[in-house]
């Protein structure tokens, strides 16, 4: 690691299928705003407000 690299940190990890309860959609709240997480048929994630 050189002096310019940011420090290593462990980021929280969440399985998308767990977040959706085995379905294809979940609601995520942030500061009173609701966001919708959707798993597409192609296996991609879409997050919308």
PDB file of N, CA and C in Angstrom:
ATOM      1  N   UNK A   1       0.848  -1.195   0.000  1.00  0.00           N
ATOM      2  CA  UNK A   1       0.000   0.000   0.000  1.00  0.00           C
ATOM      3  C   UNK A   1       0.879   1.238   0.000  1.00  0.00           C
ATOM      4  N   UNK A   2       0.582   2.179  -0.868  1.00  0.00           N
ATOM      5  CA  UNK A   2       1.379   3.406  -0.884  1.00  0.00           C
ATOM      6  C   UNK A   2       0.690   4.502  -0.070  1.00  0.00           C
ATOM      7  N   UNK A   3       1.360   5.606   0.108  1.00  0.00           N
ATOM      8  CA  UNK A   3       0.852   6.687   0.958  1.00  0.00           C
ATOM      9  C   UNK A   3      -0.413   7.338   0.387  1.00  0.00           C
ATOM     10  N   UNK A   4      -0.673   7.182  -0.909  1.00  0.00           N
ATOM     11  CA  UNK A   4      -1.826   7.815  -1.537  1.00  0.00           C
ATOM     12  C   UNK A   4      -3.086   6.947  -1.471  1.00  0.00           C
ATOM     13  N   UNK A   5      -2.996   5.684  -1.081  1.00  0.00           N
ATOM     14  CA  UNK A   5      -4.148   4.782  -1.039  1.00  0.00           C
ATOM     15  C   UNK A   5      -5.007   5.070   0.187  1.00  0.00           C
ATOM     16  N   UNK A   6      -6.345   5.031   0.023  1.00  0.00           N
ATOM     17  CA  UNK A   6      -7.209   5.199   1.192  1.00  0.00           C
ATOM     18  C   UNK A   6      -7.085   3.985   2.106  1.00  0.00           C
ATOM     19  N   UNK A   7      -7.362   4.147   3.392  1.00  0.00           N
ATOM     20  CA  UNK A   7      -7.256   3.015   4.312  1.00  0.00           C
ATOM     21  C   UNK A   7      -8.276   1.934   3.964  1.00  0.00           C
ATOM     22  N   UNK A   8      -7.905   0.686   4.185  1.00  0.00           N
ATOM     23  CA  UNK A   8      -8.814  -0.439   3.950  1.00  0.00           C
ATOM     24  C   UNK A   8      -9.926  -0.397   4.981  1.00  0.00           C
ATOM     25  N   UNK A   9     -11.145  -0.671   4.541  1.00  0.00           N
ATOM     26  CA  UNK A   9     -12.269  -0.732   5.473  1.00  0.00           C
ATOM     27  C   UNK A   9     -13.204  -1.854   5.031  1.00  0.00           C
ATOM     28  N   UNK A  10     -13.891  -2.411   5.974  1.00  0.00           N
ATOM     29  CA  UNK A  10     -14.870  -3.442   5.669  1.00  0.00           C
ATOM     30  C   UNK A  10     -16.230  -2.783   5.510  1.00  0.00           C
ATOM     31  N   UNK A  11     -16.839  -2.968   4.358  1.00  0.00           N
ATOM     32  CA  UNK A  11     -18.152  -2.375   4.099  1.00  0.00           C
ATOM     33  C   UNK A  11     -19.246  -3.366   4.446  1.00  0.00           C
ATOM     34  N   UNK A  12     -20.397  -2.879   4.907  1.00  0.00           N
ATOM     35  CA  UNK A  12     -21.522  -3.782   5.154  1.00  0.00           C
ATOM     36  C   UNK A  12     -21.928  -4.459   3.842  1.00  0.00           C
ATOM     37  N   UNK A  13     -22.313  -5.707   3.918  1.00  0.00           N
ATOM     38  CA  UNK A  13     -22.725  -6.467   2.747  1.00  0.00           C
ATOM     39  C   UNK A  13     -24.119  -7.036   2.988  1.00  0.00           C
ATOM     40  N   UNK A  14     -25.019  -6.869   1.998  1.00  0.00           N
ATOM     41  CA  UNK A  14     -26.397  -7.342   2.121  1.00  0.00           C
ATOM     42  C   UNK A  14     -26.782  -8.072   0.837  1.00  0.00           C
ATOM     43  N   UNK A  15     -27.335  -9.247   0.966  1.00  0.00           N
ATOM     44  CA  UNK A  15     -27.798  -9.996  -0.189  1.00  0.00           C
ATOM     45  C   UNK A  15     -29.113  -9.401  -0.683  1.00  0.00           C
ATOM     46  N   UNK A  16     -29.195  -9.060  -1.956  1.00  0.00           N
ATOM     47  CA  UNK A  16     -30.393  -8.425  -2.507  1.00  0.00           C
ATOM     48  C   UNK A  16     -31.617  -9.324  -2.381  1.00  0.00           C
ATOM     49  N   UNK A  17     -31.450 -10.628  -2.534  1.00  0.00           N
ATOM     50  CA  UNK A  17     -32.596 -11.540  -2.430  1.00  0.00           C
ATOM     51  C   UNK A  17     -33.094 -11.620  -0.984  1.00  0.00           C
ATOM     52  N   UNK A  18     -32.196 -11.432  -0.031  1.00  0.00           N
ATOM     53  CA  UNK A  18     -32.614 -11.372   1.373  1.00  0.00           C
ATOM     54  C   UNK A  18     -33.380 -10.074   1.633  1.00  0.00           C
ATOM     55  N   UNK A  19     -32.889  -8.968   1.077  1.00  0.00           N
ATOM     56  CA  UNK A  19     -33.574  -7.678   1.247  1.00  0.00           C
ATOM     57  C   UNK A  19     -34.981  -7.711   0.665  1.00  0.00           C
ATOM     58  N   UNK A  20     -35.176  -8.454  -0.411  1.00  0.00           N
ATOM     59  CA  UNK A  20     -36.493  -8.522  -1.042  1.00  0.00           C
ATOM     60  C   UNK A  20     -37.335  -9.668  -0.491  1.00  0.00           C
ATOM     61  N   UNK A  21     -36.839 -10.362   0.506  1.00  0.00           N
ATOM     62  CA  UNK A  21     -37.595 -11.451   1.116  1.00  0.00           C
ATOM     63  C   UNK A  21     -37.863 -12.591   0.148  1.00  0.00           C
ATOM     64  N   UNK A  22     -36.955 -12.785  -0.805  1.00  0.00           N
ATOM     65  CA  UNK A  22     -37.131 -13.841  -1.794  1.00  0.00           C
ATOM     66  C   UNK A  22     -37.956 -13.412  -2.989  1.00  0.00           C
ATOM     67  N   UNK A  23     -38.501 -12.209  -2.946  1.00  0.00           N
ATOM     68  CA  UNK A  23     -39.280 -11.680  -4.067  1.00  0.00           C
ATOM     69  C   UNK A  23     -38.401 -10.857  -4.981  1.00  0.00           C
ATOM     70  N   UNK A  24     -38.996  -9.870  -5.634  1.00  0.00           N
ATOM     71  CA  UNK A  24     -38.228  -9.041  -6.561  1.00  0.00           C
ATOM     72  C   UNK A  24     -38.222  -7.564  -6.193  1.00  0.00           C
ATOM     73  N   UNK A  25     -38.925  -7.177  -5.100  1.00  0.00           N
ATOM     74  CA  UNK A  25     -38.956  -5.770  -4.719  1.00  0.00           C
ATOM     75  C   UNK A  25     -38.814  -5.592  -3.221  1.00  0.00           C
ATOM     76  N   UNK A  26     -38.198  -4.460  -2.847  1.00  0.00           N
ATOM     77  CA  UNK A  26     -38.086  -4.075  -1.443  1.00  0.00           C
ATOM     78  C   UNK A  26     -38.203  -2.560  -1.357  1.00  0.00           C
ATOM     79  N   UNK A  27     -38.626  -2.084  -0.207  1.00  0.00           N
ATOM     80  CA  UNK A  27     -38.678  -0.648   0.063  1.00  0.00           C
ATOM     81  C   UNK A  27     -37.533  -0.334   1.019  1.00  0.00           C
ATOM     82  N   UNK A  28     -36.777   0.705   0.698  1.00  0.00           N
ATOM     83  CA  UNK A  28     -35.676   1.159   1.538  1.00  0.00           C
ATOM     84  C   UNK A  28     -35.967   2.601   1.921  1.00  0.00           C
ATOM     85  N   UNK A  29     -35.897   2.905   3.203  1.00  0.00           N
ATOM     86  CA  UNK A  29     -36.185   4.259   3.678  1.00  0.00           C
ATOM     87  C   UNK A  29     -34.890   4.948   4.065  1.00  0.00           C
ATOM     88  N   UNK A  30     -34.778   6.222   3.673  1.00  0.00           N
ATOM     89  CA  UNK A  30     -33.629   7.046   4.041  1.00  0.00           C
ATOM     90  C   UNK A  30     -34.133   8.447   4.340  1.00  0.00           C
ATOM     91  N   UNK A  31     -33.963   8.880   5.571  1.00  0.00           N
ATOM     92  CA  UNK A  31     -34.361  10.231   5.988  1.00  0.00           C
ATOM     93  C   UNK A  31     -35.807  10.553   5.609  1.00  0.00           C
ATOM     94  N   UNK A  32     -36.705   9.599   5.813  1.00  0.00           N
ATOM     95  CA  UNK A  32     -38.109   9.813   5.531  1.00  0.00           C
ATOM     96  C   UNK A  32     -38.502   9.639   4.072  1.00  0.00           C
ATOM     97  N   UNK A  33     -37.545   9.412   3.197  1.00  0.00           N
ATOM     98  CA  UNK A  33     -37.824   9.193   1.776  1.00  0.00           C
ATOM     99  C   UNK A  33     -37.874   7.697   1.500  1.00  0.00           C
ATOM    100  N   UNK A  34     -38.815   7.265   0.666  1.00  0.00           N
ATOM    101  CA  UNK A  34     -38.954   5.861   0.325  1.00  0.00           C
ATOM    102  C   UNK A  34     -38.311   5.598  -1.036  1.00  0.00           C
ATOM    103  N   UNK A  35     -37.497   4.571  -1.104  1.00  0.00           N
ATOM    104  CA  UNK A  35     -36.851   4.143  -2.343  1.00  0.00           C
ATOM    105  C   UNK A  35     -37.253   2.697  -2.607  1.00  0.00           C
ATOM    106  N   UNK A  36     -37.321   2.329  -3.871  1.00  0.00           N
ATOM    107  CA  UNK A  36     -37.739   0.995  -4.246  1.00  0.00           C
ATOM    108  C   UNK A  36     -36.593   0.271  -4.940  1.00  0.00           C
ATOM    109  N   UNK A  37     -36.242  -0.888  -4.402  1.00  0.00           N
ATOM    110  CA  UNK A  37     -35.208  -1.729  -4.978  1.00  0.00           C
ATOM    111  C   UNK A  37     -35.902  -2.842  -5.732  1.00  0.00           C
ATOM    112  N   UNK A  38     -35.519  -3.042  -6.989  1.00  0.00           N
ATOM    113  CA  UNK A  38     -36.150  -4.084  -7.800  1.00  0.00           C
ATOM    114  C   UNK A  38     -35.079  -4.925  -8.477  1.00  0.00           C
ATOM    115  N   UNK A  39     -35.286  -6.236  -8.483  1.00  0.00           N
ATOM    116  CA  UNK A  39     -34.422  -7.153  -9.216  1.00  0.00           C
ATOM    117  C   UNK A  39     -35.117  -7.438 -10.541  1.00  0.00           C
ATOM    118  N   UNK A  40     -34.453  -7.161 -11.654  1.00  0.00           N
ATOM    119  CA  UNK A  40     -35.051  -7.383 -12.968  1.00  0.00           C
ATOM    120  C   UNK A  40     -34.960  -8.855 -13.361  1.00  0.00           C
ATOM    121  N   UNK A  41     -35.666  -9.220 -14.426  1.00  0.00           N
ATOM    122  CA  UNK A  41     -35.591 -10.597 -14.940  1.00  0.00           C
ATOM    123  C   UNK A  41     -34.184 -10.946 -15.385  1.00  0.00           C
ATOM    124  N   UNK A  42     -33.414  -9.943 -15.773  1.00  0.00           N
ATOM    125  CA  UNK A  42     -32.031 -10.165 -16.214  1.00  0.00           C
ATOM    126  C   UNK A  42     -31.058 -10.241 -15.036  1.00  0.00           C
ATOM    127  N   UNK A  43     -31.573 -10.103 -13.812  1.00  0.00           N
ATOM    128  CA  UNK A  43     -30.722 -10.193 -12.633  1.00  0.00           C
ATOM    129  C   UNK A  43     -29.985  -8.910 -12.300  1.00  0.00           C
ATOM    130  N   UNK A  44     -30.467  -7.789 -12.790  1.00  0.00           N
ATOM    131  CA  UNK A  44     -29.881  -6.484 -12.478  1.00  0.00           C
ATOM    132  C   UNK A  44     -30.670  -5.820 -11.360  1.00  0.00           C
ATOM    133  N   UNK A  45     -30.039  -4.873 -10.687  1.00  0.00           N
ATOM    134  CA  UNK A  45     -30.715  -4.126  -9.625  1.00  0.00           C
ATOM    135  C   UNK A  45     -31.057  -2.725 -10.105  1.00  0.00           C
ATOM    136  N   UNK A  46     -32.270  -2.290  -9.768  1.00  0.00           N
ATOM    137  CA  UNK A  46     -32.708  -0.931 -10.075  1.00  0.00           C
ATOM    138  C   UNK A  46     -33.198  -0.308  -8.772  1.00  0.00           C
ATOM    139  N   UNK A  47     -32.696   0.890  -8.456  1.00  0.00           N
ATOM    140  CA  UNK A  47     -33.133   1.624  -7.272  1.00  0.00           C
ATOM    141  C   UNK A  47     -33.798   2.910  -7.762  1.00  0.00           C
ATOM    142  N   UNK A  48     -35.093   3.079  -7.392  1.00  0.00           N
ATOM    143  CA  UNK A  48     -35.836   4.272  -7.825  1.00  0.00           C
ATOM    144  C   UNK A  48     -36.475   4.934  -6.625  1.00  0.00           C
ATOM    145  N   UNK A  49     -36.824   6.183  -6.797  1.00  0.00           N
ATOM    146  CA  UNK A  49     -37.467   6.957  -5.742  1.00  0.00           C
ATOM    147  C   UNK A  49     -38.952   6.929  -5.932  1.00  0.00           C
TER     148      UNK A  49
END
